[in-house]
Amino acid sequence: MSRINISLPESMKAFVEEQVAQGGYGSISEYLQNLITQDQKRKMQEHIE
């Protein structure tokens, strides 16, 4: 698996950490992968319509 390093403002970092804790994600990576997958599906759906 490849790595990507990102920088976030402290407020966004706190939000992501809260989503991981509350959403049952195993890690920040899992949360971000889920967001990217949702975005990919949305864009594919837009393309179909």
PDB file of N, CA and C in Angstrom:
ATOM      1  N   MET A   1       0.853  -1.169   0.000  1.00  0.00           N
ATOM      2  CA  MET A   1       0.000   0.000   0.000  1.00  0.00           C
ATOM      3  C   MET A   1       0.902   1.235   0.000  1.00  0.00           C
ATOM      4  N   SER A   2       0.465   2.253  -0.709  1.00  0.00           N
ATOM      5  CA  SER A   2       1.223   3.495  -0.793  1.00  0.00           C
ATOM      6  C   SER A   2       0.887   4.410   0.368  1.00  0.00           C
ATOM      7  N   ARG A   3       1.771   5.358   0.613  1.00  0.00           N
ATOM      8  CA  ARG A   3       1.562   6.332   1.678  1.00  0.00           C
ATOM      9  C   ARG A   3       1.425   7.721   1.093  1.00  0.00           C
ATOM     10  N   ILE A   4       0.577   8.510   1.718  1.00  0.00           N
ATOM     11  CA  ILE A   4       0.426   9.925   1.407  1.00  0.00           C
ATOM     12  C   ILE A   4       0.447  10.665   2.733  1.00  0.00           C
ATOM     13  N   ASN A   5       1.281  11.667   2.829  1.00  0.00           N
ATOM     14  CA  ASN A   5       1.309  12.506   4.026  1.00  0.00           C
ATOM     15  C   ASN A   5       0.505  13.767   3.750  1.00  0.00           C
ATOM     16  N   ILE A   6      -0.362  14.140   4.672  1.00  0.00           N
ATOM     17  CA  ILE A   6      -1.139  15.363   4.521  1.00  0.00           C
ATOM     18  C   ILE A   6      -0.985  16.213   5.778  1.00  0.00           C
ATOM     19  N   SER A   7      -1.170  17.498   5.586  1.00  0.00           N
ATOM     20  CA  SER A   7      -1.162  18.435   6.716  1.00  0.00           C
ATOM     21  C   SER A   7      -2.569  18.975   6.877  1.00  0.00           C
ATOM     22  N   LEU A   8      -3.029  19.024   8.109  1.00  0.00           N
ATOM     23  CA  LEU A   8      -4.362  19.532   8.418  1.00  0.00           C
ATOM     24  C   LEU A   8      -4.272  20.567   9.522  1.00  0.00           C
ATOM     25  N   PRO A   9      -5.171  21.550   9.484  1.00  0.00           N
ATOM     26  CA  PRO A   9      -5.263  22.451  10.637  1.00  0.00           C
ATOM     27  C   PRO A   9      -5.684  21.632  11.858  1.00  0.00           C
ATOM     28  N   GLU A  10      -5.349  22.104  13.016  1.00  0.00           N
ATOM     29  CA  GLU A  10      -5.653  21.382  14.254  1.00  0.00           C
ATOM     30  C   GLU A  10      -7.137  21.064  14.380  1.00  0.00           C
ATOM     31  N   SER A  11      -7.994  21.992  13.964  1.00  0.00           N
ATOM     32  CA  SER A  11      -9.438  21.761  14.078  1.00  0.00           C
ATOM     33  C   SER A  11      -9.891  20.594  13.205  1.00  0.00           C
ATOM     34  N   MET A  12      -9.333  20.459  12.019  1.00  0.00           N
ATOM     35  CA  MET A  12      -9.691  19.343  11.140  1.00  0.00           C
ATOM     36  C   MET A  12      -9.129  18.031  11.680  1.00  0.00           C
ATOM     37  N   LYS A  13      -7.932  18.068  12.215  1.00  0.00           N
ATOM     38  CA  LYS A  13      -7.332  16.878  12.811  1.00  0.00           C
ATOM     39  C   LYS A  13      -8.207  16.372  13.959  1.00  0.00           C
ATOM     40  N   ALA A  14      -8.657  17.290  14.794  1.00  0.00           N
ATOM     41  CA  ALA A  14      -9.523  16.919  15.918  1.00  0.00           C
ATOM     42  C   ALA A  14     -10.833  16.328  15.408  1.00  0.00           C
ATOM     43  N   PHE A  15     -11.388  16.899  14.351  1.00  0.00           N
ATOM     44  CA  PHE A  15     -12.635  16.391  13.778  1.00  0.00           C
ATOM     45  C   PHE A  15     -12.441  14.961  13.269  1.00  0.00           C
ATOM     46  N   VAL A  16     -11.361  14.729  12.537  1.00  0.00           N
ATOM     47  CA  VAL A  16     -11.081  13.394  11.999  1.00  0.00           C
ATOM     48  C   VAL A  16     -10.917  12.392  13.138  1.00  0.00           C
ATOM     49  N   GLU A  17     -10.164  12.757  14.150  1.00  0.00           N
ATOM     50  CA  GLU A  17      -9.963  11.857  15.287  1.00  0.00           C
ATOM     51  C   GLU A  17     -11.290  11.539  15.986  1.00  0.00           C
ATOM     52  N   GLU A  18     -12.161  12.536  16.071  1.00  0.00           N
ATOM     53  CA  GLU A  18     -13.472  12.315  16.691  1.00  0.00           C
ATOM     54  C   GLU A  18     -14.319  11.367  15.839  1.00  0.00           C
ATOM     55  N   GLN A  19     -14.261  11.528  14.521  1.00  0.00           N
ATOM     56  CA  GLN A  19     -15.019  10.650  13.627  1.00  0.00           C
ATOM     57  C   GLN A  19     -14.524   9.214  13.730  1.00  0.00           C
ATOM     58  N   VAL A  20     -13.236   9.036  13.850  1.00  0.00           N
ATOM     59  CA  VAL A  20     -12.664   7.697  13.992  1.00  0.00           C
ATOM     60  C   VAL A  20     -13.157   7.071  15.291  1.00  0.00           C
ATOM     61  N   ALA A  21     -13.112   7.838  16.369  1.00  0.00           N
ATOM     62  CA  ALA A  21     -13.524   7.316  17.683  1.00  0.00           C
ATOM     63  C   ALA A  21     -15.015   6.990  17.721  1.00  0.00           C
ATOM     64  N   GLN A  22     -15.834   7.848  17.133  1.00  0.00           N
ATOM     65  CA  GLN A  22     -17.283   7.675  17.201  1.00  0.00           C
ATOM     66  C   GLN A  22     -17.835   6.766  16.111  1.00  0.00           C
ATOM     67  N   GLY A  23     -17.107   6.669  14.997  1.00  0.00           N
ATOM     68  CA  GLY A  23     -17.639   5.953  13.845  1.00  0.00           C
ATOM     69  C   GLY A  23     -17.221   4.506  13.745  1.00  0.00           C
ATOM     70  N   GLY A  24     -16.461   4.039  14.710  1.00  0.00           N
ATOM     71  CA  GLY A  24     -16.066   2.642  14.693  1.00  0.00           C
ATOM     72  C   GLY A  24     -14.977   2.318  13.685  1.00  0.00           C
ATOM     73  N   TYR A  25     -14.247   3.312  13.247  1.00  0.00           N
ATOM     74  CA  TYR A  25     -13.133   3.082  12.330  1.00  0.00           C
ATOM     75  C   TYR A  25     -11.922   2.632  13.124  1.00  0.00           C
ATOM     76  N   GLY A  26     -11.119   1.780  12.522  1.00  0.00           N
ATOM     77  CA  GLY A  26      -9.942   1.268  13.196  1.00  0.00           C
ATOM     78  C   GLY A  26      -8.773   2.233  13.194  1.00  0.00           C
ATOM     79  N   SER A  27      -8.802   3.183  12.243  1.00  0.00           N
ATOM     80  CA  SER A  27      -7.687   4.122  12.129  1.00  0.00           C
ATOM     81  C   SER A  27      -8.116   5.323  11.297  1.00  0.00           C
ATOM     82  N   ILE A  28      -7.294   6.346  11.330  1.00  0.00           N
ATOM     83  CA  ILE A  28      -7.528   7.515  10.491  1.00  0.00           C
ATOM     84  C   ILE A  28      -7.474   7.107   9.024  1.00  0.00           C
ATOM     85  N   SER A  29      -6.552   6.226   8.672  1.00  0.00           N
ATOM     86  CA  SER A  29      -6.448   5.761   7.291  1.00  0.00           C
ATOM     87  C   SER A  29      -7.746   5.109   6.824  1.00  0.00           C
ATOM     88  N   GLU A  30      -8.334   4.297   7.672  1.00  0.00           N
ATOM     89  CA  GLU A  30      -9.593   3.629   7.326  1.00  0.00           C
ATOM     90  C   GLU A  30     -10.693   4.658   7.097  1.00  0.00           C
ATOM     91  N   TYR A  31     -10.750   5.669   7.938  1.00  0.00           N
ATOM     92  CA  TYR A  31     -11.746   6.730   7.793  1.00  0.00           C
ATOM     93  C   TYR A  31     -11.556   7.464   6.471  1.00  0.00           C
ATOM     94  N   LEU A  32     -10.323   7.856   6.157  1.00  0.00           N
ATOM     95  CA  LEU A  32     -10.057   8.584   4.924  1.00  0.00           C
ATOM     96  C   LEU A  32     -10.307   7.716   3.698  1.00  0.00           C
ATOM     97  N   GLN A  33      -9.965   6.439   3.761  1.00  0.00           N
ATOM     98  CA  GLN A  33     -10.248   5.537   2.654  1.00  0.00           C
ATOM     99  C   GLN A  33     -11.750   5.455   2.406  1.00  0.00           C
ATOM    100  N   ASN A  34     -12.529   5.424   3.477  1.00  0.00           N
ATOM    101  CA  ASN A  34     -13.984   5.386   3.345  1.00  0.00           C
ATOM    102  C   ASN A  34     -14.498   6.660   2.678  1.00  0.00           C
ATOM    103  N   LEU A  35     -13.976   7.807   3.070  1.00  0.00           N
ATOM    104  CA  LEU A  35     -14.397   9.075   2.453  1.00  0.00           C
ATOM    105  C   LEU A  35     -14.061   9.096   0.965  1.00  0.00           C
ATOM    106  N   ILE A  36     -12.887   8.634   0.614  1.00  0.00           N
ATOM    107  CA  ILE A  36     -12.470   8.623  -0.785  1.00  0.00           C
ATOM    108  C   ILE A  36     -13.340   7.667  -1.589  1.00  0.00           C
ATOM    109  N   THR A  37     -13.630   6.497  -1.028  1.00  0.00           N
ATOM    110  CA  THR A  37     -14.494   5.528  -1.706  1.00  0.00           C
ATOM    111  C   THR A  37     -15.876   6.125  -1.944  1.00  0.00           C
ATOM    112  N   GLN A  38     -16.431   6.811  -0.951  1.00  0.00           N
ATOM    113  CA  GLN A  38     -17.742   7.454  -1.106  1.00  0.00           C
ATOM    114  C   GLN A  38     -17.705   8.497  -2.219  1.00  0.00           C
ATOM    115  N   ASP A  39     -16.633   9.274  -2.279  1.00  0.00           N
ATOM    116  CA  ASP A  39     -16.498  10.300  -3.308  1.00  0.00           C
ATOM    117  C   ASP A  39     -16.386   9.661  -4.696  1.00  0.00           C
ATOM    118  N   GLN A  40     -15.629   8.580  -4.803  1.00  0.00           N
ATOM    119  CA  GLN A  40     -15.509   7.877  -6.078  1.00  0.00           C
ATOM    120  C   GLN A  40     -16.871   7.373  -6.546  1.00  0.00           C
ATOM    121  N   LYS A  41     -17.636   6.779  -5.643  1.00  0.00           N
ATOM    122  CA  LYS A  41     -18.964   6.264  -5.989  1.00  0.00           C
ATOM    123  C   LYS A  41     -19.882   7.395  -6.426  1.00  0.00           C
ATOM    124  N   ARG A  42     -19.814   8.527  -5.724  1.00  0.00           N
ATOM    125  CA  ARG A  42     -20.647   9.675  -6.064  1.00  0.00           C
ATOM    126  C   ARG A  42     -20.309  10.191  -7.456  1.00  0.00           C
ATOM    127  N   LYS A  43     -19.033  10.273  -7.763  1.00  0.00           N
ATOM    128  CA  LYS A  43     -18.617  10.775  -9.077  1.00  0.00           C
ATOM    129  C   LYS A  43     -19.002   9.802 -10.181  1.00  0.00           C
ATOM    130  N   MET A  44     -18.913   8.515  -9.915  1.00  0.00           N
ATOM    131  CA  MET A  44     -19.330   7.521 -10.901  1.00  0.00           C
ATOM    132  C   MET A  44     -20.834   7.640 -11.149  1.00  0.00           C
ATOM    133  N   GLN A  45     -21.607   7.836 -10.077  1.00  0.00           N
ATOM    134  CA  GLN A  45     -23.045   7.982 -10.203  1.00  0.00           C
ATOM    135  C   GLN A  45     -23.397   9.234 -10.994  1.00  0.00           C
ATOM    136  N   GLU A  46     -22.702  10.330 -10.746  1.00  0.00           N
ATOM    137  CA  GLU A  46     -22.929  11.571 -11.497  1.00  0.00           C
ATOM    138  C   GLU A  46     -22.645  11.360 -12.973  1.00  0.00           C
ATOM    139  N   HIS A  47     -21.603  10.608 -13.264  1.00  0.00           N
ATOM    140  CA  HIS A  47     -21.219  10.335 -14.651  1.00  0.00           C
ATOM    141  C   HIS A  47     -22.292   9.507 -15.357  1.00  0.00           C
ATOM    142  N   ILE A  48     -22.903   8.574 -14.635  1.00  0.00           N
ATOM    143  CA  ILE A  48     -23.945   7.719 -15.198  1.00  0.00           C
ATOM    144  C   ILE A  48     -25.203   8.529 -15.497  1.00  0.00           C
ATOM    145  N   GLU A  49     -25.528   9.454 -14.596  1.00  0.00           N
ATOM    146  CA  GLU A  49     -26.732  10.269 -14.772  1.00  0.00           C
ATOM    147  C   GLU A  49     -26.483  11.299 -15.823  1.00  0.00           C
TER     148      GLU A  49
END
